[in-house]
């Protein structure tokens, strides 16, 4: 298995988790500055 094939396979298997993490309201609030300090 080549490195590219391994990477592609791992990315496909973990993509749902990756997307869930980066679209979580807490993470989005950090990114756009909308999360208040008392939430930390």
C-alpha atoms as a PDB file:
ATOM      1  CA  UNK A   1       0.000   0.000   0.000  1.00  0.00           C
ATOM      2  CA  UNK A   2       1.455   3.359  -0.983  1.00  0.00           C
ATOM      3  CA  UNK A   3       1.498   6.327   1.371  1.00  0.00           C
ATOM      4  CA  UNK A   4      -1.041   8.131  -0.815  1.00  0.00           C
ATOM      5  CA  UNK A   5      -3.401   5.153  -0.752  1.00  0.00           C
ATOM      6  CA  UNK A   6      -3.040   4.811   3.025  1.00  0.00           C
ATOM      7  CA  UNK A   7      -3.709   8.524   3.536  1.00  0.00           C
ATOM      8  CA  UNK A   8      -6.756   8.461   1.271  1.00  0.00           C
ATOM      9  CA  UNK A   9      -8.194   5.407   3.039  1.00  0.00           C
ATOM     10  CA  UNK A  10      -7.644   6.859   6.517  1.00  0.00           C
ATOM     11  CA  UNK A  11      -9.108  10.217   5.480  1.00  0.00           C
ATOM     12  CA  UNK A  12     -12.244   8.548   4.087  1.00  0.00           C
ATOM     13  CA  UNK A  13     -12.727   6.541   7.279  1.00  0.00           C
ATOM     14  CA  UNK A  14     -12.267   9.501   9.603  1.00  0.00           C
ATOM     15  CA  UNK A  15     -13.983  12.213   7.550  1.00  0.00           C
ATOM     16  CA  UNK A  16     -17.318  12.050   9.451  1.00  0.00           C
ATOM     17  CA  UNK A  17     -15.516  12.594  12.768  1.00  0.00           C
ATOM     18  CA  UNK A  18     -13.314  15.339  11.290  1.00  0.00           C
ATOM     19  CA  UNK A  19     -16.377  17.167   9.974  1.00  0.00           C
ATOM     20  CA  UNK A  20     -18.261  16.779  13.275  1.00  0.00           C
ATOM     21  CA  UNK A  21     -15.356  18.289  15.211  1.00  0.00           C
ATOM     22  CA  UNK A  22     -14.952  21.309  12.956  1.00  0.00           C
ATOM     23  CA  UNK A  23     -18.673  22.020  12.743  1.00  0.00           C
ATOM     24  CA  UNK A  24     -19.285  21.747  16.493  1.00  0.00           C
ATOM     25  CA  UNK A  25     -20.820  24.972  17.888  1.00  0.00           C
ATOM     26  CA  UNK A  26     -18.035  25.391  20.464  1.00  0.00           C
ATOM     27  CA  UNK A  27     -15.294  25.168  17.836  1.00  0.00           C
ATOM     28  CA  UNK A  28     -17.175  27.432  15.444  1.00  0.00           C
ATOM     29  CA  UNK A  29     -17.657  29.971  18.246  1.00  0.00           C
ATOM     30  CA  UNK A  30     -13.929  30.018  18.922  1.00  0.00           C
ATOM     31  CA  UNK A  31     -13.239  30.497  15.232  1.00  0.00           C
ATOM     32  CA  UNK A  32     -15.627  33.360  14.623  1.00  0.00           C
ATOM     33  CA  UNK A  33     -15.129  35.065  17.991  1.00  0.00           C
ATOM     34  CA  UNK A  34     -18.738  34.543  19.116  1.00  0.00           C
ATOM     35  CA  UNK A  35     -17.845  32.337  22.094  1.00  0.00           C
ATOM     36  CA  UNK A  36     -17.874  34.263  25.365  1.00  0.00           C
ATOM     37  CA  UNK A  37     -14.935  33.929  27.772  1.00  0.00           C
ATOM     38  CA  UNK A  38     -17.114  32.329  30.466  1.00  0.00           C
ATOM     39  CA  UNK A  39     -17.634  29.314  28.165  1.00  0.00           C
ATOM     40  CA  UNK A  40     -13.955  28.298  28.473  1.00  0.00           C
END
